[in-house]
Amino acid sequence: MTHDFEPATRDTRVVLDSDDISRALTRLAHEVVERTHGATNLTLMGIPTRGADLAVRLAAKIEQIQGQPVPVGALDVTMYRDDLRLRPARALQPTTIPADGIEGRLVVLVDDVLFSGRTIRSALDALSEHGRPQAVQLAVLVDRGHRELPIRADYVGKNLPTSKSESVQVQLVERDGIDQVTIEQA
């Protein structure tokens, strides 16, 4: 199916709308269930802010498929970033670990956009502070390329080739009042 989206503004275009995001999350949920052989030892950990919201949605879709809840938490990576001295101070977000913890579990990190890979490297460091998972996988809504570290997603909602001068913005109802992904020319 081809989408002919109207530009949001002259320099911004919508590449995923609400229906596209919902379909991508449904497909990701089915892929996770298939590759984890039923998602029985699974914990989802979202990276705030929008990755945490997506993790909650993904857990709900997996529960619809499997008929049982999936533990979901949030993992703040702020203090593990390698660019702390290069950027303005950022407010810490809550880290919430499900009651079952992560020890010995298959943890799927969930984020909105995979770009350089540095946020995911930070997430791996942060995760190690809370236990030793059996394995760690990565699910992202958008993979825009331009990796600076050898990190790849196991589950991708949409591969979105971009130039480095473009910015990918994910907006979610929980935070922004609308579900959409846009590309903005810088």
N, C-alpha and C. Protein backbone atom coordinates (compact mmCIF):
# COMPACT_ATOMS: atom_id res chain seq x y z
N MET A 1 0.84 -1.17 0.00
CA MET A 1 0.00 0.00 0.00
C MET A 1 0.89 1.23 0.00
N THR A 2 0.62 2.15 -0.88
CA THR A 2 1.41 3.36 -0.98
C THR A 2 0.66 4.51 -0.33
N HIS A 3 1.39 5.31 0.42
CA HIS A 3 0.79 6.48 1.07
C HIS A 3 1.24 7.73 0.35
N ASP A 4 0.31 8.61 0.07
CA ASP A 4 0.63 9.93 -0.44
C ASP A 4 0.29 10.93 0.65
N PHE A 5 1.23 11.12 1.58
CA PHE A 5 0.98 12.00 2.70
C PHE A 5 1.16 13.44 2.28
N GLU A 6 0.31 14.29 2.79
CA GLU A 6 0.47 15.72 2.60
C GLU A 6 1.60 16.16 3.54
N PRO A 7 2.42 17.09 3.10
CA PRO A 7 3.46 17.59 3.99
C PRO A 7 2.85 18.25 5.23
N ALA A 8 3.44 18.00 6.39
CA ALA A 8 2.98 18.63 7.63
C ALA A 8 3.30 20.13 7.58
N THR A 9 4.46 20.46 7.08
CA THR A 9 4.85 21.84 6.80
C THR A 9 5.72 21.78 5.56
N ARG A 10 6.26 22.90 5.16
CA ARG A 10 7.08 22.91 3.95
C ARG A 10 8.31 22.00 4.08
N ASP A 11 8.92 21.94 5.27
CA ASP A 11 10.14 21.17 5.47
C ASP A 11 9.92 19.87 6.24
N THR A 12 8.68 19.54 6.56
CA THR A 12 8.38 18.35 7.34
C THR A 12 7.37 17.50 6.59
N ARG A 13 7.62 16.19 6.56
CA ARG A 13 6.63 15.30 5.94
C ARG A 13 6.31 14.14 6.86
N VAL A 14 5.07 13.74 6.87
CA VAL A 14 4.60 12.61 7.67
C VAL A 14 4.93 11.33 6.91
N VAL A 15 5.64 10.40 7.57
CA VAL A 15 5.99 9.14 6.92
C VAL A 15 5.23 7.95 7.51
N LEU A 16 4.75 8.08 8.74
CA LEU A 16 3.89 7.07 9.35
C LEU A 16 2.75 7.79 10.07
N ASP A 17 1.53 7.33 9.82
CA ASP A 17 0.40 7.89 10.55
C ASP A 17 -0.03 6.92 11.64
N SER A 18 -1.12 7.20 12.30
CA SER A 18 -1.59 6.39 13.43
C SER A 18 -1.81 4.93 13.02
N ASP A 19 -2.46 4.72 11.89
CA ASP A 19 -2.72 3.35 11.42
C ASP A 19 -1.42 2.61 11.11
N ASP A 20 -0.47 3.32 10.49
CA ASP A 20 0.83 2.70 10.17
C ASP A 20 1.55 2.28 11.44
N ILE A 21 1.53 3.12 12.46
CA ILE A 21 2.20 2.81 13.73
C ILE A 21 1.53 1.60 14.38
N SER A 22 0.21 1.57 14.38
CA SER A 22 -0.51 0.44 14.97
C SER A 22 -0.18 -0.86 14.24
N ARG A 23 -0.17 -0.82 12.91
CA ARG A 23 0.17 -2.02 12.13
C ARG A 23 1.61 -2.46 12.40
N ALA A 24 2.53 -1.51 12.49
CA ALA A 24 3.93 -1.85 12.75
C ALA A 24 4.07 -2.53 14.11
N LEU A 25 3.38 -2.00 15.13
CA LEU A 25 3.45 -2.61 16.47
C LEU A 25 2.81 -3.99 16.49
N THR A 26 1.73 -4.18 15.75
CA THR A 26 1.10 -5.51 15.67
C THR A 26 2.06 -6.51 15.02
N ARG A 27 2.71 -6.08 13.94
CA ARG A 27 3.69 -6.95 13.28
C ARG A 27 4.86 -7.25 14.20
N LEU A 28 5.36 -6.23 14.91
CA LEU A 28 6.46 -6.45 15.86
C LEU A 28 6.05 -7.45 16.94
N ALA A 29 4.83 -7.33 17.44
CA ALA A 29 4.35 -8.24 18.48
C ALA A 29 4.35 -9.68 17.97
N HIS A 30 3.86 -9.89 16.76
CA HIS A 30 3.86 -11.25 16.19
C HIS A 30 5.28 -11.77 16.00
N GLU A 31 6.19 -10.92 15.55
CA GLU A 31 7.59 -11.33 15.37
C GLU A 31 8.22 -11.70 16.70
N VAL A 32 7.97 -10.91 17.74
CA VAL A 32 8.52 -11.20 19.07
C VAL A 32 7.99 -12.54 19.57
N VAL A 33 6.71 -12.77 19.45
CA VAL A 33 6.11 -14.03 19.91
C VAL A 33 6.71 -15.21 19.14
N GLU A 34 6.85 -15.06 17.83
CA GLU A 34 7.40 -16.14 17.02
C GLU A 34 8.86 -16.43 17.37
N ARG A 35 9.68 -15.40 17.43
CA ARG A 35 11.11 -15.60 17.67
C ARG A 35 11.45 -15.98 19.10
N THR A 36 10.56 -15.67 20.05
CA THR A 36 10.82 -16.02 21.45
C THR A 36 10.05 -17.28 21.86
N HIS A 37 9.48 -17.95 20.87
CA HIS A 37 8.76 -19.21 21.10
C HIS A 37 7.67 -19.07 22.15
N GLY A 38 6.84 -18.05 21.98
CA GLY A 38 5.70 -17.88 22.86
C GLY A 38 5.84 -16.82 23.93
N ALA A 39 6.96 -16.14 23.98
CA ALA A 39 7.15 -15.00 24.89
C ALA A 39 6.93 -15.35 26.36
N THR A 40 7.27 -16.57 26.76
CA THR A 40 7.00 -16.98 28.14
C THR A 40 8.02 -16.45 29.15
N ASN A 41 9.24 -16.19 28.74
CA ASN A 41 10.28 -15.70 29.65
C ASN A 41 10.69 -14.28 29.28
N LEU A 42 9.73 -13.51 28.78
CA LEU A 42 9.99 -12.22 28.17
C LEU A 42 9.71 -11.06 29.13
N THR A 43 10.57 -10.06 29.09
CA THR A 43 10.34 -8.78 29.76
C THR A 43 10.66 -7.68 28.77
N LEU A 44 9.77 -6.71 28.65
CA LEU A 44 10.01 -5.55 27.78
C LEU A 44 10.49 -4.39 28.65
N MET A 45 11.54 -3.73 28.21
CA MET A 45 12.06 -2.55 28.90
C MET A 45 12.14 -1.40 27.91
N GLY A 46 11.27 -0.40 28.09
CA GLY A 46 11.24 0.75 27.21
C GLY A 46 12.22 1.81 27.65
N ILE A 47 12.78 2.51 26.69
CA ILE A 47 13.71 3.60 26.96
C ILE A 47 12.92 4.91 26.91
N PRO A 48 12.82 5.60 28.07
CA PRO A 48 12.03 6.84 28.09
C PRO A 48 12.57 7.86 27.09
N THR A 49 11.68 8.66 26.54
CA THR A 49 10.30 8.73 26.94
C THR A 49 9.40 7.89 26.03
N ARG A 50 9.52 8.06 24.73
CA ARG A 50 8.60 7.39 23.83
C ARG A 50 8.84 5.89 23.72
N GLY A 51 10.04 5.43 23.95
CA GLY A 51 10.29 3.99 23.95
C GLY A 51 9.54 3.29 25.06
N ALA A 52 9.39 3.96 26.20
CA ALA A 52 8.63 3.40 27.31
C ALA A 52 7.15 3.28 26.95
N ASP A 53 6.62 4.30 26.28
CA ASP A 53 5.22 4.26 25.83
C ASP A 53 5.02 3.14 24.80
N LEU A 54 5.96 3.00 23.89
CA LEU A 54 5.86 1.95 22.88
C LEU A 54 5.95 0.56 23.51
N ALA A 55 6.78 0.42 24.55
CA ALA A 55 6.89 -0.88 25.24
C ALA A 55 5.56 -1.29 25.86
N VAL A 56 4.85 -0.34 26.44
CA VAL A 56 3.53 -0.63 27.03
C VAL A 56 2.56 -1.08 25.94
N ARG A 57 2.57 -0.40 24.81
CA ARG A 57 1.70 -0.78 23.69
C ARG A 57 2.06 -2.16 23.14
N LEU A 58 3.36 -2.39 22.99
CA LEU A 58 3.82 -3.68 22.47
C LEU A 58 3.45 -4.80 23.42
N ALA A 59 3.59 -4.59 24.71
CA ALA A 59 3.20 -5.60 25.70
C ALA A 59 1.72 -5.92 25.60
N ALA A 60 0.89 -4.90 25.40
CA ALA A 60 -0.55 -5.12 25.27
C ALA A 60 -0.87 -5.94 24.02
N LYS A 61 -0.17 -5.69 22.93
CA LYS A 61 -0.41 -6.46 21.70
C LYS A 61 0.07 -7.90 21.85
N ILE A 62 1.19 -8.11 22.54
CA ILE A 62 1.67 -9.47 22.78
C ILE A 62 0.67 -10.21 23.67
N GLU A 63 0.13 -9.52 24.67
CA GLU A 63 -0.86 -10.13 25.55
C GLU A 63 -2.12 -10.53 24.76
N GLN A 64 -2.53 -9.73 23.80
CA GLN A 64 -3.67 -10.08 22.96
C GLN A 64 -3.40 -11.37 22.19
N ILE A 65 -2.18 -11.54 21.73
CA ILE A 65 -1.81 -12.73 20.95
C ILE A 65 -1.69 -13.94 21.85
N GLN A 66 -1.01 -13.80 22.99
CA GLN A 66 -0.66 -14.92 23.86
C GLN A 66 -1.68 -15.18 24.96
N GLY A 67 -2.48 -14.18 25.30
CA GLY A 67 -3.46 -14.36 26.36
C GLY A 67 -2.90 -14.29 27.76
N GLN A 68 -1.68 -13.83 27.89
CA GLN A 68 -1.09 -13.65 29.22
C GLN A 68 -0.27 -12.37 29.23
N PRO A 69 -0.23 -11.69 30.37
CA PRO A 69 0.49 -10.40 30.43
C PRO A 69 2.00 -10.57 30.27
N VAL A 70 2.61 -9.53 29.75
CA VAL A 70 4.07 -9.50 29.58
C VAL A 70 4.60 -8.42 30.53
N PRO A 71 5.56 -8.76 31.40
CA PRO A 71 6.14 -7.74 32.27
C PRO A 71 6.78 -6.62 31.43
N VAL A 72 6.53 -5.39 31.85
CA VAL A 72 7.08 -4.25 31.12
C VAL A 72 7.59 -3.22 32.12
N GLY A 73 8.72 -2.62 31.79
CA GLY A 73 9.32 -1.61 32.65
C GLY A 73 9.92 -0.50 31.81
N ALA A 74 10.59 0.43 32.47
CA ALA A 74 11.24 1.55 31.80
C ALA A 74 12.68 1.65 32.31
N LEU A 75 13.59 2.00 31.43
CA LEU A 75 15.01 2.04 31.76
C LEU A 75 15.61 3.38 31.35
N ASP A 76 15.84 4.26 32.33
CA ASP A 76 16.46 5.54 32.03
C ASP A 76 17.95 5.34 31.77
N VAL A 77 18.44 5.91 30.68
CA VAL A 77 19.84 5.72 30.30
C VAL A 77 20.66 7.00 30.44
N THR A 78 20.05 8.05 30.96
CA THR A 78 20.68 9.38 30.98
C THR A 78 22.09 9.35 31.57
N MET A 79 22.26 8.75 32.73
CA MET A 79 23.57 8.78 33.40
C MET A 79 24.60 7.85 32.76
N TYR A 80 24.19 7.06 31.78
CA TYR A 80 25.10 6.14 31.12
C TYR A 80 25.52 6.64 29.74
N ARG A 81 25.02 7.81 29.35
CA ARG A 81 25.32 8.36 28.03
C ARG A 81 26.77 8.82 27.95
N ASP A 82 27.36 8.71 26.76
CA ASP A 82 28.75 9.15 26.60
C ASP A 82 28.84 10.61 26.15
N ASP A 83 27.68 11.29 26.05
CA ASP A 83 27.69 12.68 25.62
C ASP A 83 27.19 13.63 26.70
N LEU A 84 27.24 13.22 27.96
CA LEU A 84 26.73 14.07 29.05
C LEU A 84 27.40 15.44 29.08
N ARG A 85 28.69 15.48 28.85
CA ARG A 85 29.40 16.75 28.92
C ARG A 85 29.19 17.61 27.67
N LEU A 86 28.64 17.02 26.61
CA LEU A 86 28.45 17.74 25.36
C LEU A 86 27.06 18.35 25.22
N ARG A 87 26.13 17.90 26.03
CA ARG A 87 24.74 18.34 25.91
C ARG A 87 24.29 19.03 27.19
N PRO A 88 23.25 19.84 27.09
CA PRO A 88 22.71 20.46 28.31
C PRO A 88 22.17 19.38 29.25
N ALA A 89 22.12 19.72 30.52
CA ALA A 89 21.61 18.78 31.52
C ALA A 89 20.20 18.34 31.15
N ARG A 90 19.92 17.07 31.41
CA ARG A 90 18.63 16.49 31.06
C ARG A 90 18.01 15.91 32.32
N ALA A 91 16.72 16.09 32.45
CA ALA A 91 16.02 15.55 33.63
C ALA A 91 16.05 14.02 33.59
N LEU A 92 16.30 13.43 34.75
CA LEU A 92 16.27 11.98 34.83
C LEU A 92 14.84 11.49 34.72
N GLN A 93 14.67 10.37 34.04
CA GLN A 93 13.36 9.74 33.89
C GLN A 93 13.31 8.55 34.85
N PRO A 94 12.12 8.11 35.20
CA PRO A 94 12.05 6.97 36.12
C PRO A 94 12.51 5.67 35.47
N THR A 95 13.19 4.85 36.27
CA THR A 95 13.49 3.48 35.87
C THR A 95 12.57 2.61 36.70
N THR A 96 11.81 1.76 36.04
CA THR A 96 10.92 0.83 36.74
C THR A 96 11.23 -0.58 36.27
N ILE A 97 11.56 -1.42 37.21
CA ILE A 97 11.86 -2.83 36.91
C ILE A 97 10.65 -3.66 37.33
N PRO A 98 10.14 -4.51 36.43
CA PRO A 98 8.98 -5.35 36.80
C PRO A 98 9.28 -6.21 38.02
N ALA A 99 8.23 -6.64 38.69
CA ALA A 99 8.37 -7.42 39.92
C ALA A 99 9.22 -8.68 39.73
N ASP A 100 9.14 -9.30 38.54
CA ASP A 100 9.94 -10.50 38.26
C ASP A 100 11.40 -10.19 38.00
N GLY A 101 11.74 -8.92 37.90
CA GLY A 101 13.12 -8.52 37.63
C GLY A 101 13.51 -8.87 36.21
N ILE A 102 14.82 -8.83 35.94
CA ILE A 102 15.32 -9.17 34.61
C ILE A 102 16.29 -10.35 34.65
N GLU A 103 16.66 -10.78 35.84
CA GLU A 103 17.64 -11.86 36.01
C GLU A 103 17.16 -13.13 35.29
N GLY A 104 17.99 -13.62 34.35
CA GLY A 104 17.68 -14.86 33.65
C GLY A 104 16.55 -14.76 32.64
N ARG A 105 16.05 -13.57 32.38
CA ARG A 105 14.93 -13.40 31.46
C ARG A 105 15.42 -12.90 30.10
N LEU A 106 14.61 -13.10 29.09
CA LEU A 106 14.86 -12.52 27.78
C LEU A 106 14.31 -11.09 27.83
N VAL A 107 15.19 -10.12 27.75
CA VAL A 107 14.79 -8.72 27.81
C VAL A 107 14.82 -8.14 26.40
N VAL A 108 13.70 -7.53 26.01
CA VAL A 108 13.65 -6.80 24.75
C VAL A 108 13.61 -5.32 25.10
N LEU A 109 14.69 -4.62 24.73
CA LEU A 109 14.72 -3.16 24.86
C LEU A 109 13.85 -2.58 23.76
N VAL A 110 13.08 -1.56 24.10
CA VAL A 110 12.17 -0.94 23.12
C VAL A 110 12.49 0.55 23.06
N ASP A 111 12.72 1.05 21.83
CA ASP A 111 12.96 2.48 21.64
C ASP A 111 12.22 2.95 20.41
N ASP A 112 12.09 4.27 20.28
CA ASP A 112 11.35 4.80 19.15
C ASP A 112 12.19 4.86 17.88
N VAL A 113 13.40 5.41 17.95
CA VAL A 113 14.24 5.57 16.76
C VAL A 113 15.64 5.04 17.05
N LEU A 114 16.14 4.21 16.15
CA LEU A 114 17.53 3.75 16.22
C LEU A 114 18.32 4.57 15.21
N PHE A 115 19.34 5.26 15.71
CA PHE A 115 20.14 6.15 14.87
C PHE A 115 21.61 5.74 15.00
N SER A 116 22.36 6.39 15.86
CA SER A 116 23.80 6.11 15.98
C SER A 116 24.09 4.81 16.72
N GLY A 117 23.17 4.39 17.60
CA GLY A 117 23.39 3.21 18.43
C GLY A 117 23.87 3.57 19.82
N ARG A 118 24.18 4.83 20.07
CA ARG A 118 24.73 5.23 21.36
C ARG A 118 23.73 5.12 22.50
N THR A 119 22.47 5.41 22.24
CA THR A 119 21.45 5.26 23.29
C THR A 119 21.33 3.79 23.69
N ILE A 120 21.39 2.90 22.74
CA ILE A 120 21.26 1.47 23.04
C ILE A 120 22.49 0.98 23.80
N ARG A 121 23.67 1.47 23.45
CA ARG A 121 24.87 1.11 24.23
C ARG A 121 24.69 1.56 25.67
N SER A 122 24.16 2.76 25.86
CA SER A 122 23.88 3.26 27.21
C SER A 122 22.86 2.38 27.92
N ALA A 123 21.85 1.94 27.19
CA ALA A 123 20.81 1.08 27.78
C ALA A 123 21.40 -0.25 28.23
N LEU A 124 22.32 -0.80 27.47
CA LEU A 124 22.97 -2.06 27.87
C LEU A 124 23.75 -1.88 29.16
N ASP A 125 24.44 -0.74 29.28
CA ASP A 125 25.16 -0.45 30.53
C ASP A 125 24.19 -0.30 31.70
N ALA A 126 23.11 0.45 31.48
CA ALA A 126 22.12 0.67 32.54
C ALA A 126 21.46 -0.65 32.95
N LEU A 127 21.17 -1.49 31.98
CA LEU A 127 20.51 -2.77 32.26
C LEU A 127 21.37 -3.65 33.16
N SER A 128 22.68 -3.60 32.96
CA SER A 128 23.59 -4.44 33.75
C SER A 128 23.57 -4.07 35.23
N GLU A 129 23.12 -2.88 35.56
CA GLU A 129 23.00 -2.46 36.96
C GLU A 129 21.83 -3.15 37.68
N HIS A 130 20.94 -3.76 36.91
CA HIS A 130 19.71 -4.32 37.48
C HIS A 130 19.63 -5.84 37.39
N GLY A 131 20.69 -6.47 36.93
CA GLY A 131 20.69 -7.93 36.85
C GLY A 131 21.34 -8.41 35.57
N ARG A 132 21.33 -9.73 35.42
CA ARG A 132 21.95 -10.34 34.25
C ARG A 132 20.88 -11.10 33.47
N PRO A 133 20.37 -10.50 32.38
CA PRO A 133 19.37 -11.19 31.58
C PRO A 133 19.96 -12.42 30.89
N GLN A 134 19.09 -13.34 30.53
CA GLN A 134 19.51 -14.50 29.73
C GLN A 134 20.02 -14.01 28.37
N ALA A 135 19.28 -13.07 27.78
CA ALA A 135 19.64 -12.48 26.49
C ALA A 135 18.95 -11.12 26.40
N VAL A 136 19.49 -10.25 25.54
CA VAL A 136 18.91 -8.94 25.30
C VAL A 136 18.70 -8.79 23.80
N GLN A 137 17.50 -8.35 23.44
CA GLN A 137 17.18 -8.05 22.05
C GLN A 137 16.70 -6.61 21.97
N LEU A 138 16.55 -6.11 20.75
CA LEU A 138 16.17 -4.72 20.55
C LEU A 138 15.02 -4.62 19.56
N ALA A 139 13.99 -3.88 19.94
CA ALA A 139 12.86 -3.58 19.06
C ALA A 139 12.76 -2.05 18.94
N VAL A 140 12.66 -1.57 17.70
CA VAL A 140 12.52 -0.13 17.46
C VAL A 140 11.38 0.11 16.48
N LEU A 141 10.72 1.23 16.65
CA LEU A 141 9.68 1.61 15.71
C LEU A 141 10.30 2.01 14.37
N VAL A 142 11.39 2.80 14.42
CA VAL A 142 12.03 3.30 13.22
C VAL A 142 13.54 3.07 13.30
N ASP A 143 14.10 2.51 12.23
CA ASP A 143 15.56 2.41 12.08
C ASP A 143 15.93 3.35 10.94
N ARG A 144 16.64 4.42 11.27
CA ARG A 144 16.98 5.42 10.25
C ARG A 144 18.41 5.31 9.73
N GLY A 145 19.17 4.32 10.20
CA GLY A 145 20.54 4.14 9.72
C GLY A 145 21.52 5.05 10.41
N HIS A 146 22.71 5.17 9.82
CA HIS A 146 23.79 6.05 10.29
C HIS A 146 24.42 5.57 11.61
N ARG A 147 24.62 4.27 11.75
CA ARG A 147 25.18 3.71 12.96
C ARG A 147 26.61 4.18 13.18
N GLU A 148 26.93 4.48 14.43
CA GLU A 148 28.29 4.80 14.85
C GLU A 148 28.89 3.68 15.68
N LEU A 149 28.05 2.76 16.11
CA LEU A 149 28.47 1.60 16.90
C LEU A 149 27.88 0.35 16.25
N PRO A 150 28.50 -0.82 16.49
CA PRO A 150 28.01 -2.06 15.86
C PRO A 150 26.77 -2.60 16.57
N ILE A 151 25.66 -1.90 16.41
CA ILE A 151 24.40 -2.27 17.05
C ILE A 151 23.33 -2.36 15.98
N ARG A 152 22.51 -3.40 16.05
CA ARG A 152 21.40 -3.54 15.11
C ARG A 152 20.16 -3.99 15.87
N ALA A 153 19.00 -3.65 15.31
CA ALA A 153 17.74 -4.03 15.94
C ALA A 153 17.34 -5.44 15.50
N ASP A 154 16.75 -6.19 16.42
CA ASP A 154 16.22 -7.51 16.11
C ASP A 154 14.83 -7.40 15.48
N TYR A 155 14.10 -6.35 15.87
CA TYR A 155 12.74 -6.12 15.40
C TYR A 155 12.62 -4.66 14.99
N VAL A 156 12.19 -4.41 13.75
CA VAL A 156 12.10 -3.05 13.22
C VAL A 156 10.71 -2.83 12.65
N GLY A 157 10.05 -1.77 13.12
CA GLY A 157 8.74 -1.42 12.59
C GLY A 157 8.84 -0.87 11.18
N LYS A 158 9.81 0.02 10.94
CA LYS A 158 9.97 0.64 9.63
C LYS A 158 11.42 1.05 9.45
N ASN A 159 12.05 0.57 8.37
CA ASN A 159 13.36 1.07 7.98
C ASN A 159 13.12 2.35 7.20
N LEU A 160 13.77 3.41 7.62
CA LEU A 160 13.52 4.73 7.05
C LEU A 160 14.85 5.37 6.69
N PRO A 161 15.34 5.13 5.48
CA PRO A 161 16.61 5.75 5.09
C PRO A 161 16.50 7.27 5.15
N THR A 162 17.47 7.89 5.77
CA THR A 162 17.49 9.35 5.93
C THR A 162 18.88 9.87 5.64
N SER A 163 18.97 11.16 5.46
CA SER A 163 20.28 11.79 5.42
C SER A 163 20.58 12.28 6.83
N LYS A 164 21.83 12.54 7.11
CA LYS A 164 22.19 13.02 8.44
C LYS A 164 21.62 14.42 8.70
N SER A 165 21.29 15.15 7.65
CA SER A 165 20.74 16.49 7.84
C SER A 165 19.25 16.46 8.17
N GLU A 166 18.64 15.29 8.10
CA GLU A 166 17.22 15.16 8.42
C GLU A 166 17.04 14.74 9.87
N SER A 167 15.89 15.07 10.41
CA SER A 167 15.54 14.71 11.77
C SER A 167 14.26 13.88 11.74
N VAL A 168 14.26 12.76 12.46
CA VAL A 168 13.07 11.91 12.55
C VAL A 168 12.41 12.19 13.90
N GLN A 169 11.14 12.55 13.87
CA GLN A 169 10.39 12.84 15.09
C GLN A 169 9.26 11.84 15.24
N VAL A 170 9.19 11.17 16.38
CA VAL A 170 8.08 10.28 16.70
C VAL A 170 7.19 11.01 17.68
N GLN A 171 5.93 11.08 17.35
CA GLN A 171 4.94 11.67 18.24
C GLN A 171 3.94 10.59 18.60
N LEU A 172 3.63 10.48 19.89
CA LEU A 172 2.70 9.48 20.38
C LEU A 172 1.59 10.15 21.17
N VAL A 173 0.40 9.57 21.09
CA VAL A 173 -0.77 10.12 21.76
C VAL A 173 -0.49 10.36 23.24
N GLU A 174 0.21 9.44 23.90
CA GLU A 174 0.47 9.56 25.33
C GLU A 174 1.22 10.85 25.70
N ARG A 175 2.05 11.34 24.81
CA ARG A 175 2.89 12.51 25.10
C ARG A 175 2.52 13.73 24.27
N ASP A 176 2.08 13.47 23.03
CA ASP A 176 1.94 14.56 22.07
C ASP A 176 0.52 14.76 21.55
N GLY A 177 -0.39 13.87 21.93
CA GLY A 177 -1.77 13.99 21.48
C GLY A 177 -2.03 13.48 20.07
N ILE A 178 -1.01 12.94 19.41
CA ILE A 178 -1.15 12.41 18.05
C ILE A 178 -0.13 11.30 17.85
N ASP A 179 -0.49 10.32 17.02
CA ASP A 179 0.45 9.27 16.63
C ASP A 179 0.92 9.56 15.21
N GLN A 180 2.20 9.86 15.07
CA GLN A 180 2.77 10.02 13.73
C GLN A 180 4.29 10.06 13.82
N VAL A 181 4.92 9.75 12.69
CA VAL A 181 6.36 9.87 12.56
C VAL A 181 6.59 10.82 11.39
N THR A 182 7.45 11.82 11.63
CA THR A 182 7.75 12.80 10.59
C THR A 182 9.25 12.86 10.35
N ILE A 183 9.59 13.30 9.14
CA ILE A 183 10.98 13.62 8.81
C ILE A 183 11.02 15.11 8.55
N GLU A 184 11.98 15.76 9.19
CA GLU A 184 12.12 17.20 9.05
C GLU A 184 13.50 17.50 8.47
N GLN A 185 13.54 18.34 7.47
CA GLN A 185 14.80 18.76 6.89
C GLN A 185 15.41 19.83 7.80
N ALA A 186 16.65 19.62 8.21
CA ALA A 186 17.30 20.59 9.12
C ALA A 186 17.81 21.79 8.37
